Amino acid sequence: MTIKEIQEEIIDEFSMFEDWDERFQYVIDLGKGLPLIDEKYKTEENTIKGCQSKVWVHAEQKDGNIVFTADSDAIITKGIIAILVRTFSNHSPKEILEADTNFIDEIGLKEHLSPTRANGLVSMIKQIKMYALVFQSKN
């Protein structure tokens, strides 16, 4: 699937819920299914700056694509990073860098987060794009 197709799938999933209580429960459920980061990568270097809670993201390149793993110590944040990992993992640096993140606005996530969580979301996206930039420059 392309990044755009995954984003469309996420938009469809969120549209099934009536209200934000149900959507937040879904975000929490997504977090429970997150492919967890290996403990050895829970380092300061892999910590997302600008997040209220602790969030770690690790990236490695496999067969030209970037594979992300992540974790957080907060359940909502864990769900948010799970959405981003699902969207951007297993894609090339070029695809990640060219992808827009309008789907976040379309599902209404940012506007339903506290200002500090919304800033954290922006920081997570920036970090994912930075990983892509670094891997692209190595090719």
N, C-alpha and C. Protein backbone atom coordinates (compact mmCIF):
# COMPACT_ATOMS: atom_id res chain seq x y z
N MET A 1 0.83 -1.19 0.00
CA MET A 1 0.00 0.00 0.00
C MET A 1 0.87 1.25 0.00
N THR A 2 0.38 2.28 -0.66
CA THR A 2 1.10 3.55 -0.63
C THR A 2 0.77 4.27 0.68
N ILE A 3 1.56 5.29 0.98
CA ILE A 3 1.30 6.10 2.18
C ILE A 3 -0.09 6.72 2.08
N LYS A 4 -0.43 7.22 0.90
CA LYS A 4 -1.75 7.86 0.69
C LYS A 4 -2.87 6.84 0.95
N GLU A 5 -2.72 5.62 0.48
CA GLU A 5 -3.75 4.58 0.70
C GLU A 5 -3.89 4.26 2.19
N ILE A 6 -2.77 4.20 2.89
CA ILE A 6 -2.82 3.94 4.34
C ILE A 6 -3.53 5.10 5.03
N GLN A 7 -3.21 6.32 4.62
CA GLN A 7 -3.86 7.49 5.22
C GLN A 7 -5.37 7.45 4.98
N GLU A 8 -5.78 7.09 3.77
CA GLU A 8 -7.21 6.99 3.44
C GLU A 8 -7.88 5.93 4.32
N GLU A 9 -7.19 4.83 4.53
CA GLU A 9 -7.70 3.75 5.37
C GLU A 9 -7.91 4.25 6.81
N ILE A 10 -6.96 5.01 7.32
CA ILE A 10 -7.06 5.56 8.68
C ILE A 10 -8.22 6.55 8.77
N ILE A 11 -8.38 7.40 7.76
CA ILE A 11 -9.49 8.36 7.73
C ILE A 11 -10.82 7.59 7.77
N ASP A 12 -10.92 6.53 6.97
CA ASP A 12 -12.14 5.70 6.95
C ASP A 12 -12.41 5.08 8.33
N GLU A 13 -11.36 4.57 8.96
CA GLU A 13 -11.52 3.95 10.28
C GLU A 13 -12.04 4.97 11.30
N PHE A 14 -11.47 6.17 11.29
CA PHE A 14 -11.90 7.20 12.25
C PHE A 14 -13.32 7.68 11.98
N SER A 15 -13.73 7.64 10.71
CA SER A 15 -15.07 8.12 10.37
C SER A 15 -16.16 7.16 10.87
N MET A 16 -15.79 5.95 11.24
CA MET A 16 -16.77 4.98 11.75
C MET A 16 -17.26 5.31 13.15
N PHE A 17 -16.51 6.16 13.86
CA PHE A 17 -16.86 6.44 15.25
C PHE A 17 -17.72 7.69 15.36
N GLU A 18 -18.64 7.64 16.30
CA GLU A 18 -19.61 8.72 16.48
C GLU A 18 -19.01 9.96 17.13
N ASP A 19 -18.16 9.75 18.14
CA ASP A 19 -17.66 10.89 18.90
C ASP A 19 -16.19 10.69 19.27
N TRP A 20 -15.62 11.72 19.91
CA TRP A 20 -14.20 11.67 20.22
C TRP A 20 -13.86 10.74 21.37
N ASP A 21 -14.81 10.42 22.22
CA ASP A 21 -14.53 9.41 23.25
C ASP A 21 -14.22 8.08 22.58
N GLU A 22 -15.03 7.72 21.58
CA GLU A 22 -14.81 6.47 20.85
C GLU A 22 -13.51 6.52 20.05
N ARG A 23 -13.23 7.68 19.46
CA ARG A 23 -12.00 7.81 18.66
C ARG A 23 -10.77 7.71 19.55
N PHE A 24 -10.82 8.34 20.73
CA PHE A 24 -9.67 8.23 21.64
C PHE A 24 -9.49 6.79 22.11
N GLN A 25 -10.58 6.08 22.34
CA GLN A 25 -10.47 4.67 22.71
C GLN A 25 -9.80 3.89 21.59
N TYR A 26 -10.13 4.22 20.34
CA TYR A 26 -9.51 3.57 19.19
C TYR A 26 -8.02 3.89 19.13
N VAL A 27 -7.66 5.16 19.39
CA VAL A 27 -6.24 5.55 19.42
C VAL A 27 -5.50 4.73 20.47
N ILE A 28 -6.11 4.57 21.63
CA ILE A 28 -5.50 3.77 22.71
C ILE A 28 -5.33 2.32 22.25
N ASP A 29 -6.36 1.77 21.60
CA ASP A 29 -6.28 0.39 21.09
C ASP A 29 -5.17 0.24 20.05
N LEU A 30 -5.03 1.24 19.19
CA LEU A 30 -3.94 1.21 18.19
C LEU A 30 -2.58 1.17 18.89
N GLY A 31 -2.46 1.93 19.97
CA GLY A 31 -1.21 1.96 20.73
C GLY A 31 -0.85 0.60 21.30
N LYS A 32 -1.88 -0.15 21.68
CA LYS A 32 -1.64 -1.50 22.24
C LYS A 32 -1.07 -2.45 21.19
N GLY A 33 -1.31 -2.15 19.91
CA GLY A 33 -0.80 -3.01 18.83
C GLY A 33 0.48 -2.49 18.21
N LEU A 34 1.07 -1.46 18.79
CA LEU A 34 2.28 -0.87 18.25
C LEU A 34 3.45 -1.85 18.29
N PRO A 35 4.18 -1.99 17.15
CA PRO A 35 5.40 -2.81 17.19
C PRO A 35 6.43 -2.11 18.08
N LEU A 36 6.69 -2.69 19.22
CA LEU A 36 7.49 -2.01 20.23
C LEU A 36 8.96 -1.92 19.88
N ILE A 37 9.53 -0.84 20.30
CA ILE A 37 10.95 -0.57 20.13
C ILE A 37 11.73 -1.49 21.07
N ASP A 38 12.85 -1.97 20.61
CA ASP A 38 13.72 -2.77 21.45
C ASP A 38 14.22 -1.87 22.60
N GLU A 39 14.28 -2.42 23.79
CA GLU A 39 14.68 -1.64 24.98
C GLU A 39 16.01 -0.91 24.78
N LYS A 40 16.91 -1.52 24.00
CA LYS A 40 18.23 -0.90 23.81
C LYS A 40 18.14 0.42 23.03
N TYR A 41 17.01 0.66 22.35
CA TYR A 41 16.83 1.91 21.60
C TYR A 41 16.08 2.97 22.39
N LYS A 42 15.71 2.66 23.62
CA LYS A 42 15.05 3.66 24.47
C LYS A 42 16.12 4.55 25.09
N THR A 43 16.74 5.34 24.21
CA THR A 43 17.84 6.20 24.62
C THR A 43 17.44 7.66 24.44
N GLU A 44 18.23 8.53 25.00
CA GLU A 44 18.01 9.97 24.84
C GLU A 44 18.04 10.37 23.37
N GLU A 45 18.92 9.72 22.62
CA GLU A 45 19.07 10.01 21.19
C GLU A 45 17.78 9.73 20.40
N ASN A 46 17.02 8.73 20.83
CA ASN A 46 15.78 8.35 20.14
C ASN A 46 14.53 8.97 20.75
N THR A 47 14.71 9.84 21.73
CA THR A 47 13.58 10.49 22.38
C THR A 47 13.11 11.67 21.53
N ILE A 48 11.81 11.80 21.36
CA ILE A 48 11.24 12.91 20.62
C ILE A 48 11.25 14.15 21.52
N LYS A 49 11.90 15.18 21.05
CA LYS A 49 11.93 16.44 21.81
C LYS A 49 10.62 17.19 21.57
N GLY A 50 10.12 17.84 22.60
CA GLY A 50 8.89 18.61 22.43
C GLY A 50 7.63 17.85 22.82
N CYS A 51 7.79 16.63 23.31
CA CYS A 51 6.64 15.86 23.74
C CYS A 51 6.50 15.97 25.26
N GLN A 52 5.26 16.04 25.69
CA GLN A 52 4.96 16.11 27.12
C GLN A 52 5.34 14.80 27.79
N SER A 53 5.07 13.69 27.12
CA SER A 53 5.42 12.38 27.67
C SER A 53 6.67 11.86 26.95
N LYS A 54 7.19 10.76 27.42
CA LYS A 54 8.36 10.15 26.80
C LYS A 54 7.91 9.39 25.55
N VAL A 55 8.55 9.68 24.43
CA VAL A 55 8.30 8.96 23.18
C VAL A 55 9.65 8.64 22.56
N TRP A 56 9.81 7.38 22.23
CA TRP A 56 11.04 6.94 21.57
C TRP A 56 10.68 6.44 20.17
N VAL A 57 11.49 6.82 19.19
CA VAL A 57 11.30 6.33 17.82
C VAL A 57 12.66 5.89 17.31
N HIS A 58 12.69 4.68 16.78
CA HIS A 58 13.92 4.15 16.18
C HIS A 58 13.62 3.85 14.72
N ALA A 59 14.59 4.11 13.87
CA ALA A 59 14.43 3.84 12.44
C ALA A 59 15.64 3.08 11.93
N GLU A 60 15.38 2.13 11.07
CA GLU A 60 16.47 1.46 10.37
C GLU A 60 16.02 1.18 8.95
N GLN A 61 16.99 1.08 8.06
CA GLN A 61 16.67 0.87 6.66
C GLN A 61 16.80 -0.61 6.33
N LYS A 62 15.76 -1.14 5.68
CA LYS A 62 15.77 -2.54 5.22
C LYS A 62 15.30 -2.55 3.78
N ASP A 63 16.13 -3.05 2.90
CA ASP A 63 15.79 -3.15 1.48
C ASP A 63 15.32 -1.81 0.90
N GLY A 64 15.98 -0.73 1.29
CA GLY A 64 15.66 0.58 0.75
C GLY A 64 14.51 1.30 1.44
N ASN A 65 13.78 0.59 2.29
CA ASN A 65 12.67 1.20 3.02
C ASN A 65 13.05 1.44 4.47
N ILE A 66 12.38 2.40 5.10
CA ILE A 66 12.64 2.68 6.51
C ILE A 66 11.60 1.95 7.35
N VAL A 67 12.08 1.26 8.38
CA VAL A 67 11.20 0.56 9.31
C VAL A 67 11.31 1.28 10.66
N PHE A 68 10.15 1.73 11.14
CA PHE A 68 10.11 2.45 12.41
C PHE A 68 9.56 1.54 13.51
N THR A 69 10.16 1.67 14.69
CA THR A 69 9.58 1.09 15.90
C THR A 69 9.53 2.22 16.91
N ALA A 70 8.60 2.12 17.87
CA ALA A 70 8.41 3.23 18.80
C ALA A 70 7.77 2.74 20.08
N ASP A 71 7.76 3.62 21.06
CA ASP A 71 7.05 3.37 22.32
C ASP A 71 6.84 4.72 23.01
N SER A 72 5.92 4.72 23.95
CA SER A 72 5.68 5.90 24.77
C SER A 72 5.22 5.45 26.14
N ASP A 73 5.43 6.33 27.12
CA ASP A 73 4.97 6.00 28.47
C ASP A 73 3.55 6.50 28.73
N ALA A 74 2.89 7.07 27.71
CA ALA A 74 1.51 7.55 27.86
C ALA A 74 0.63 6.86 26.81
N ILE A 75 -0.56 6.42 27.23
CA ILE A 75 -1.37 5.58 26.34
C ILE A 75 -1.88 6.31 25.10
N ILE A 76 -2.28 7.57 25.24
CA ILE A 76 -2.75 8.32 24.06
C ILE A 76 -1.58 8.56 23.10
N THR A 77 -0.46 8.97 23.66
CA THR A 77 0.73 9.24 22.84
C THR A 77 1.20 7.98 22.13
N LYS A 78 1.10 6.86 22.80
CA LYS A 78 1.48 5.59 22.19
C LYS A 78 0.59 5.30 20.98
N GLY A 79 -0.69 5.63 21.10
CA GLY A 79 -1.61 5.45 19.98
C GLY A 79 -1.30 6.39 18.82
N ILE A 80 -0.93 7.62 19.15
CA ILE A 80 -0.59 8.60 18.12
C ILE A 80 0.65 8.15 17.33
N ILE A 81 1.68 7.73 18.05
CA ILE A 81 2.89 7.29 17.35
C ILE A 81 2.61 5.99 16.58
N ALA A 82 1.68 5.17 17.07
CA ALA A 82 1.30 3.95 16.34
C ALA A 82 0.70 4.30 14.98
N ILE A 83 -0.12 5.36 14.94
CA ILE A 83 -0.70 5.81 13.67
C ILE A 83 0.40 6.25 12.71
N LEU A 84 1.37 6.97 13.23
CA LEU A 84 2.47 7.46 12.38
C LEU A 84 3.38 6.33 11.91
N VAL A 85 3.67 5.38 12.80
CA VAL A 85 4.49 4.22 12.42
C VAL A 85 3.77 3.43 11.32
N ARG A 86 2.48 3.20 11.51
CA ARG A 86 1.69 2.47 10.50
C ARG A 86 1.71 3.20 9.16
N THR A 87 1.63 4.51 9.20
CA THR A 87 1.58 5.30 7.97
C THR A 87 2.91 5.31 7.23
N PHE A 88 4.00 5.52 7.95
CA PHE A 88 5.28 5.78 7.29
C PHE A 88 6.26 4.61 7.26
N SER A 89 6.07 3.61 8.10
CA SER A 89 7.01 2.48 8.13
C SER A 89 6.91 1.67 6.84
N ASN A 90 8.04 1.11 6.43
CA ASN A 90 8.12 0.26 5.24
C ASN A 90 7.93 1.04 3.94
N HIS A 91 8.35 2.30 3.96
CA HIS A 91 8.34 3.12 2.75
C HIS A 91 9.73 3.71 2.55
N SER A 92 9.99 4.13 1.32
CA SER A 92 11.31 4.70 1.02
C SER A 92 11.43 6.11 1.60
N PRO A 93 12.66 6.55 1.82
CA PRO A 93 12.85 7.92 2.32
C PRO A 93 12.15 8.95 1.42
N LYS A 94 12.23 8.76 0.12
CA LYS A 94 11.62 9.70 -0.83
C LYS A 94 10.10 9.76 -0.61
N GLU A 95 9.47 8.60 -0.49
CA GLU A 95 8.01 8.56 -0.28
C GLU A 95 7.63 9.27 1.02
N ILE A 96 8.41 9.04 2.06
CA ILE A 96 8.12 9.65 3.37
C ILE A 96 8.27 11.16 3.29
N LEU A 97 9.34 11.62 2.64
CA LEU A 97 9.58 13.06 2.53
C LEU A 97 8.53 13.76 1.68
N GLU A 98 8.02 13.06 0.67
CA GLU A 98 7.02 13.67 -0.22
C GLU A 98 5.60 13.57 0.32
N ALA A 99 5.38 12.73 1.31
CA ALA A 99 4.02 12.52 1.83
C ALA A 99 3.54 13.74 2.62
N ASP A 100 2.27 14.07 2.41
CA ASP A 100 1.72 15.13 3.25
C ASP A 100 1.09 14.48 4.49
N THR A 101 0.78 15.29 5.46
CA THR A 101 0.20 14.76 6.70
C THR A 101 -1.18 15.38 6.94
N ASN A 102 -1.86 15.73 5.86
CA ASN A 102 -3.20 16.32 5.96
C ASN A 102 -4.20 15.36 6.59
N PHE A 103 -3.93 14.06 6.51
CA PHE A 103 -4.86 13.09 7.08
C PHE A 103 -5.04 13.31 8.58
N ILE A 104 -4.02 13.84 9.25
CA ILE A 104 -4.11 14.15 10.69
C ILE A 104 -5.22 15.18 10.92
N ASP A 105 -5.26 16.20 10.05
CA ASP A 105 -6.30 17.22 10.15
C ASP A 105 -7.66 16.63 9.76
N GLU A 106 -7.66 15.77 8.74
CA GLU A 106 -8.92 15.19 8.27
C GLU A 106 -9.60 14.33 9.34
N ILE A 107 -8.81 13.62 10.13
CA ILE A 107 -9.43 12.83 11.21
C ILE A 107 -9.70 13.69 12.44
N GLY A 108 -9.19 14.94 12.43
CA GLY A 108 -9.47 15.87 13.53
C GLY A 108 -8.63 15.65 14.76
N LEU A 109 -7.56 14.89 14.61
CA LEU A 109 -6.77 14.51 15.78
C LEU A 109 -6.13 15.71 16.47
N LYS A 110 -5.44 16.54 15.69
CA LYS A 110 -4.69 17.64 16.30
C LYS A 110 -5.60 18.59 17.09
N GLU A 111 -6.78 18.87 16.55
CA GLU A 111 -7.67 19.82 17.23
C GLU A 111 -8.29 19.26 18.51
N HIS A 112 -8.22 17.94 18.70
CA HIS A 112 -8.76 17.32 19.90
C HIS A 112 -7.69 16.97 20.93
N LEU A 113 -6.47 17.39 20.66
CA LEU A 113 -5.38 17.15 21.60
C LEU A 113 -5.11 18.42 22.39
N SER A 114 -4.54 18.26 23.57
CA SER A 114 -4.10 19.43 24.33
C SER A 114 -2.99 20.10 23.53
N PRO A 115 -2.74 21.38 23.76
CA PRO A 115 -1.67 22.07 23.00
C PRO A 115 -0.31 21.36 23.11
N THR A 116 0.02 20.84 24.29
CA THR A 116 1.32 20.17 24.42
C THR A 116 1.35 18.85 23.64
N ARG A 117 0.22 18.12 23.63
CA ARG A 117 0.18 16.88 22.83
C ARG A 117 0.20 17.19 21.34
N ALA A 118 -0.48 18.27 20.93
CA ALA A 118 -0.47 18.66 19.52
C ALA A 118 0.94 19.03 19.09
N ASN A 119 1.68 19.73 19.94
CA ASN A 119 3.09 20.05 19.66
C ASN A 119 3.91 18.78 19.57
N GLY A 120 3.63 17.83 20.44
CA GLY A 120 4.33 16.55 20.42
C GLY A 120 4.08 15.80 19.12
N LEU A 121 2.85 15.85 18.63
CA LEU A 121 2.50 15.21 17.36
C LEU A 121 3.32 15.82 16.22
N VAL A 122 3.41 17.14 16.19
CA VAL A 122 4.21 17.82 15.17
C VAL A 122 5.67 17.40 15.29
N SER A 123 6.17 17.30 16.52
CA SER A 123 7.56 16.86 16.74
C SER A 123 7.80 15.44 16.26
N MET A 124 6.81 14.56 16.48
CA MET A 124 6.94 13.17 16.01
C MET A 124 7.04 13.12 14.48
N ILE A 125 6.19 13.88 13.81
CA ILE A 125 6.22 13.92 12.34
C ILE A 125 7.55 14.47 11.86
N LYS A 126 8.02 15.54 12.48
CA LYS A 126 9.31 16.13 12.10
C LYS A 126 10.43 15.11 12.25
N GLN A 127 10.42 14.35 13.34
CA GLN A 127 11.47 13.37 13.58
C GLN A 127 11.44 12.26 12.53
N ILE A 128 10.25 11.80 12.19
CA ILE A 128 10.12 10.76 11.15
C ILE A 128 10.66 11.28 9.82
N LYS A 129 10.33 12.52 9.49
CA LYS A 129 10.83 13.13 8.24
C LYS A 129 12.36 13.32 8.31
N MET A 130 12.88 13.65 9.50
CA MET A 130 14.34 13.81 9.65
C MET A 130 15.05 12.48 9.43
N TYR A 131 14.49 11.40 9.98
CA TYR A 131 15.07 10.07 9.72
C TYR A 131 15.11 9.81 8.22
N ALA A 132 14.01 10.12 7.53
CA ALA A 132 13.95 9.89 6.08
C ALA A 132 15.01 10.71 5.35
N LEU A 133 15.20 11.94 5.78
CA LEU A 133 16.19 12.82 5.17
C LEU A 133 17.59 12.25 5.35
N VAL A 134 17.88 11.77 6.54
CA VAL A 134 19.20 11.19 6.83
C VAL A 134 19.43 9.94 5.98
N PHE A 135 18.43 9.05 5.93
CA PHE A 135 18.61 7.83 5.12
C PHE A 135 18.70 8.15 3.63
N GLN A 136 17.96 9.16 3.18
CA GLN A 136 18.04 9.54 1.77
C GLN A 136 19.42 10.08 1.42
N SER A 137 20.01 10.83 2.33
CA SER A 137 21.33 11.43 2.07
C SER A 137 22.43 10.36 2.04
N LYS A 138 22.16 9.20 2.64
CA LYS A 138 23.16 8.12 2.66
C LYS A 138 23.13 7.31 1.36
N ASN A 139 22.06 7.46 0.60
CA ASN A 139 21.92 6.65 -0.64
C ASN A 139 22.60 7.31 -1.82
